[in-house]
Amino acid sequence: MAGRIVRWGVALGLGALWWWAVLRLAVGRGSGVLEAAFVAGGWGLSLLPVHCVPKARATGAVPEGRWGAAWRAGEVTRASPHPRSGEVSDPS
């Protein structure tokens, strides 16, 4: 329980500092490199993929070897058993 409170406190504190830096950059005349670096760092952290799952469990994930087979075949349609609209499938 104490660990959760500490994590939330740190997250809220850093969030408040980040918003302070954003507002200081947007409104204040005395802002500088420190605020800009803090804002850019916080924004960069928001781009981290925190909702990742293993490829085997991902919805719509391409199976292993599909792209390699398409590359070796020379075109994507040969790697798929289903031809695209208007194409004739290879009888061989």
N, C-alpha and C. Protein backbone atom coordinates (compact mmCIF):
# COMPACT_ATOMS: atom_id res chain seq x y z
N MET A 1 0.82 -1.20 0.00
CA MET A 1 0.00 0.00 0.00
C MET A 1 0.87 1.27 0.00
N ALA A 2 1.94 1.24 0.79
CA ALA A 2 2.81 2.42 0.86
C ALA A 2 3.51 2.65 -0.48
N GLY A 3 3.88 1.56 -1.16
CA GLY A 3 4.54 1.69 -2.46
C GLY A 3 3.64 2.34 -3.49
N ARG A 4 2.37 1.99 -3.44
CA ARG A 4 1.41 2.56 -4.39
C ARG A 4 1.25 4.06 -4.14
N ILE A 5 1.20 4.45 -2.87
CA ILE A 5 1.07 5.87 -2.53
C ILE A 5 2.30 6.65 -2.98
N VAL A 6 3.47 6.07 -2.80
CA VAL A 6 4.71 6.74 -3.22
C VAL A 6 4.73 6.89 -4.74
N ARG A 7 4.36 5.82 -5.47
CA ARG A 7 4.34 5.90 -6.94
C ARG A 7 3.38 6.98 -7.42
N TRP A 8 2.18 7.01 -6.84
CA TRP A 8 1.20 8.03 -7.23
C TRP A 8 1.70 9.44 -6.89
N GLY A 9 2.34 9.58 -5.73
CA GLY A 9 2.87 10.88 -5.34
C GLY A 9 3.95 11.36 -6.30
N VAL A 10 4.85 10.45 -6.67
CA VAL A 10 5.91 10.81 -7.62
C VAL A 10 5.30 11.15 -8.98
N ALA A 11 4.35 10.36 -9.44
CA ALA A 11 3.72 10.61 -10.74
C ALA A 11 2.99 11.96 -10.75
N LEU A 12 2.24 12.24 -9.69
CA LEU A 12 1.52 13.52 -9.63
C LEU A 12 2.49 14.70 -9.51
N GLY A 13 3.55 14.52 -8.73
CA GLY A 13 4.55 15.59 -8.59
C GLY A 13 5.25 15.90 -9.89
N LEU A 14 5.68 14.86 -10.61
CA LEU A 14 6.34 15.08 -11.90
C LEU A 14 5.37 15.63 -12.93
N GLY A 15 4.12 15.19 -12.87
CA GLY A 15 3.11 15.74 -13.78
C GLY A 15 2.87 17.21 -13.53
N ALA A 16 2.82 17.60 -12.26
CA ALA A 16 2.64 19.02 -11.92
C ALA A 16 3.84 19.85 -12.40
N LEU A 17 5.04 19.32 -12.20
CA LEU A 17 6.24 20.04 -12.68
C LEU A 17 6.24 20.16 -14.20
N TRP A 18 5.79 19.11 -14.88
CA TRP A 18 5.76 19.15 -16.34
C TRP A 18 4.78 20.21 -16.83
N TRP A 19 3.58 20.25 -16.22
CA TRP A 19 2.61 21.26 -16.62
C TRP A 19 3.09 22.67 -16.29
N TRP A 20 3.80 22.82 -15.16
CA TRP A 20 4.36 24.11 -14.82
C TRP A 20 5.34 24.55 -15.90
N ALA A 21 6.19 23.64 -16.36
CA ALA A 21 7.16 23.97 -17.41
C ALA A 21 6.46 24.30 -18.72
N VAL A 22 5.40 23.56 -19.05
CA VAL A 22 4.64 23.84 -20.29
C VAL A 22 4.03 25.23 -20.22
N LEU A 23 3.38 25.54 -19.11
CA LEU A 23 2.75 26.86 -18.98
C LEU A 23 3.78 27.97 -18.96
N ARG A 24 4.92 27.72 -18.34
CA ARG A 24 5.97 28.74 -18.31
C ARG A 24 6.53 28.99 -19.71
N LEU A 25 6.67 27.92 -20.50
CA LEU A 25 7.12 28.10 -21.89
C LEU A 25 6.09 28.85 -22.72
N ALA A 26 4.81 28.53 -22.51
CA ALA A 26 3.75 29.13 -23.32
C ALA A 26 3.47 30.58 -22.94
N VAL A 27 3.54 30.90 -21.65
CA VAL A 27 3.10 32.21 -21.19
C VAL A 27 4.25 33.09 -20.72
N GLY A 28 5.20 32.49 -20.03
CA GLY A 28 6.25 33.28 -19.38
C GLY A 28 7.30 33.82 -20.32
N ARG A 29 7.87 34.94 -19.94
CA ARG A 29 8.94 35.54 -20.73
C ARG A 29 10.31 35.06 -20.27
N GLY A 30 10.41 34.52 -19.06
CA GLY A 30 11.71 34.14 -18.53
C GLY A 30 12.03 32.67 -18.70
N SER A 31 11.27 31.95 -19.51
CA SER A 31 11.54 30.52 -19.68
C SER A 31 12.75 30.32 -20.57
N GLY A 32 13.36 29.15 -20.40
CA GLY A 32 14.56 28.91 -21.17
C GLY A 32 14.80 27.45 -21.46
N VAL A 33 16.05 27.08 -21.51
CA VAL A 33 16.46 25.75 -21.92
C VAL A 33 16.01 24.68 -20.92
N LEU A 34 16.06 24.98 -19.65
CA LEU A 34 15.67 24.00 -18.63
C LEU A 34 14.21 23.59 -18.78
N GLU A 35 13.33 24.55 -18.93
CA GLU A 35 11.92 24.24 -19.11
C GLU A 35 11.69 23.49 -20.41
N ALA A 36 12.34 23.92 -21.46
CA ALA A 36 12.17 23.27 -22.76
C ALA A 36 12.64 21.82 -22.72
N ALA A 37 13.76 21.57 -22.06
CA ALA A 37 14.27 20.20 -21.96
C ALA A 37 13.33 19.33 -21.14
N PHE A 38 12.80 19.88 -20.06
CA PHE A 38 11.88 19.12 -19.22
C PHE A 38 10.60 18.79 -19.97
N VAL A 39 10.07 19.74 -20.71
CA VAL A 39 8.85 19.52 -21.49
C VAL A 39 9.10 18.49 -22.59
N ALA A 40 10.21 18.63 -23.30
CA ALA A 40 10.51 17.69 -24.38
C ALA A 40 10.74 16.28 -23.84
N GLY A 41 11.40 16.17 -22.70
CA GLY A 41 11.61 14.86 -22.09
C GLY A 41 10.32 14.20 -21.66
N GLY A 42 9.43 14.97 -21.05
CA GLY A 42 8.13 14.44 -20.64
C GLY A 42 7.29 14.02 -21.82
N TRP A 43 7.33 14.82 -22.89
CA TRP A 43 6.57 14.46 -24.09
C TRP A 43 7.16 13.20 -24.71
N GLY A 44 8.47 13.08 -24.71
CA GLY A 44 9.12 11.88 -25.26
C GLY A 44 8.76 10.64 -24.49
N LEU A 45 8.64 10.75 -23.17
CA LEU A 45 8.22 9.60 -22.37
C LEU A 45 6.80 9.16 -22.71
N SER A 46 5.96 10.09 -23.14
CA SER A 46 4.59 9.72 -23.48
C SER A 46 4.53 8.89 -24.75
N LEU A 47 5.60 8.87 -25.52
CA LEU A 47 5.62 8.09 -26.76
C LEU A 47 6.05 6.65 -26.54
N LEU A 48 6.47 6.30 -25.33
CA LEU A 48 6.89 4.92 -25.07
C LEU A 48 5.71 3.97 -25.21
N PRO A 49 5.94 2.83 -25.83
CA PRO A 49 4.84 1.87 -25.99
C PRO A 49 4.60 1.08 -24.70
N VAL A 50 3.72 1.57 -23.86
CA VAL A 50 3.47 0.91 -22.58
C VAL A 50 2.35 -0.13 -22.66
N HIS A 51 1.66 -0.20 -23.76
CA HIS A 51 0.57 -1.15 -23.91
C HIS A 51 0.94 -2.24 -24.92
N CYS A 52 2.12 -2.81 -24.79
CA CYS A 52 2.60 -3.83 -25.71
C CYS A 52 2.21 -5.22 -25.21
N VAL A 53 1.98 -6.10 -26.14
CA VAL A 53 1.72 -7.51 -25.82
C VAL A 53 2.64 -8.36 -26.67
N PRO A 54 2.91 -9.60 -26.26
CA PRO A 54 3.73 -10.47 -27.11
C PRO A 54 3.08 -10.65 -28.48
N LYS A 55 3.90 -10.83 -29.50
CA LYS A 55 3.40 -10.93 -30.87
C LYS A 55 2.40 -12.06 -31.04
N ALA A 56 2.59 -13.15 -30.32
CA ALA A 56 1.68 -14.29 -30.44
C ALA A 56 0.27 -13.94 -29.96
N ARG A 57 0.15 -13.00 -29.03
CA ARG A 57 -1.16 -12.63 -28.50
C ARG A 57 -1.75 -11.38 -29.14
N ALA A 58 -1.01 -10.72 -29.99
CA ALA A 58 -1.47 -9.47 -30.59
C ALA A 58 -2.55 -9.72 -31.63
N THR A 59 -3.59 -8.92 -31.59
CA THR A 59 -4.66 -9.03 -32.55
C THR A 59 -4.19 -8.50 -33.90
N GLY A 60 -4.35 -9.30 -34.95
CA GLY A 60 -3.97 -8.88 -36.29
C GLY A 60 -2.49 -8.96 -36.58
N ALA A 61 -1.72 -9.63 -35.75
CA ALA A 61 -0.29 -9.75 -35.99
C ALA A 61 -0.02 -10.64 -37.19
N VAL A 62 0.97 -10.28 -37.96
CA VAL A 62 1.35 -11.07 -39.13
C VAL A 62 2.11 -12.31 -38.67
N PRO A 63 1.73 -13.50 -39.16
CA PRO A 63 2.42 -14.71 -38.72
C PRO A 63 3.90 -14.73 -39.12
N GLU A 64 4.69 -15.50 -38.37
CA GLU A 64 6.12 -15.63 -38.65
C GLU A 64 6.35 -16.15 -40.08
N GLY A 65 7.28 -15.55 -40.77
CA GLY A 65 7.67 -16.05 -42.08
C GLY A 65 6.86 -15.51 -43.25
N ARG A 66 5.76 -14.84 -43.00
CA ARG A 66 4.92 -14.37 -44.11
C ARG A 66 5.65 -13.32 -44.95
N TRP A 67 6.28 -12.36 -44.29
CA TRP A 67 6.98 -11.31 -45.04
C TRP A 67 8.21 -11.88 -45.73
N GLY A 68 8.88 -12.82 -45.10
CA GLY A 68 10.04 -13.45 -45.74
C GLY A 68 9.64 -14.21 -46.99
N ALA A 69 8.50 -14.93 -46.91
CA ALA A 69 8.00 -15.66 -48.08
C ALA A 69 7.63 -14.70 -49.20
N ALA A 70 7.01 -13.58 -48.86
CA ALA A 70 6.64 -12.59 -49.88
C ALA A 70 7.89 -11.98 -50.52
N TRP A 71 8.91 -11.73 -49.71
CA TRP A 71 10.14 -11.15 -50.23
C TRP A 71 10.82 -12.12 -51.18
N ARG A 72 10.91 -13.40 -50.79
CA ARG A 72 11.55 -14.39 -51.65
C ARG A 72 10.75 -14.63 -52.93
N ALA A 73 9.44 -14.54 -52.87
CA ALA A 73 8.60 -14.78 -54.04
C ALA A 73 8.65 -13.60 -55.01
N GLY A 74 8.94 -12.43 -54.53
CA GLY A 74 9.04 -11.28 -55.42
C GLY A 74 7.81 -10.41 -55.44
N GLU A 75 6.70 -10.91 -54.98
CA GLU A 75 5.50 -10.09 -54.86
C GLU A 75 4.62 -10.64 -53.75
N VAL A 76 3.86 -9.78 -53.17
CA VAL A 76 3.08 -10.12 -51.97
C VAL A 76 2.00 -11.14 -52.27
N THR A 77 1.40 -11.10 -53.45
CA THR A 77 0.27 -11.99 -53.74
C THR A 77 0.70 -13.45 -53.81
N ARG A 78 1.93 -13.73 -54.14
CA ARG A 78 2.38 -15.13 -54.21
C ARG A 78 2.49 -15.76 -52.83
N ALA A 79 2.69 -14.94 -51.80
CA ALA A 79 2.79 -15.46 -50.45
C ALA A 79 1.42 -15.78 -49.88
N SER A 80 0.37 -15.25 -50.49
CA SER A 80 -0.98 -15.47 -50.00
C SER A 80 -1.70 -16.46 -50.91
N PRO A 81 -2.48 -17.40 -50.34
CA PRO A 81 -3.23 -18.32 -51.18
C PRO A 81 -4.42 -17.66 -51.87
N HIS A 82 -4.77 -16.46 -51.46
CA HIS A 82 -5.93 -15.77 -52.03
C HIS A 82 -5.48 -14.64 -52.93
N PRO A 83 -5.72 -14.71 -54.25
CA PRO A 83 -5.31 -13.62 -55.15
C PRO A 83 -6.16 -12.37 -54.91
N ARG A 84 -5.59 -11.23 -55.25
CA ARG A 84 -6.35 -9.99 -55.15
C ARG A 84 -7.39 -9.93 -56.25
N SER A 85 -8.30 -8.99 -56.12
CA SER A 85 -9.38 -8.83 -57.09
C SER A 85 -8.80 -8.57 -58.48
N GLY A 86 -9.27 -9.32 -59.48
CA GLY A 86 -8.82 -9.15 -60.86
C GLY A 86 -7.59 -9.94 -61.21
N GLU A 87 -6.95 -10.63 -60.28
CA GLU A 87 -5.75 -11.40 -60.56
C GLU A 87 -6.12 -12.87 -60.73
N VAL A 88 -5.36 -13.54 -61.57
CA VAL A 88 -5.55 -14.95 -61.77
C VAL A 88 -4.54 -15.69 -60.93
N SER A 89 -5.00 -16.68 -60.15
CA SER A 89 -4.06 -17.42 -59.31
C SER A 89 -3.22 -18.34 -60.17
N ASP A 90 -1.99 -18.56 -59.77
CA ASP A 90 -1.05 -19.41 -60.48
C ASP A 90 -1.46 -20.87 -60.31
N PRO A 91 -1.76 -21.61 -61.42
CA PRO A 91 -2.24 -23.00 -61.28
C PRO A 91 -1.16 -23.98 -60.80
N SER A 92 0.10 -23.60 -60.84
CA SER A 92 1.16 -24.54 -60.44
C SER A 92 1.37 -24.64 -58.98
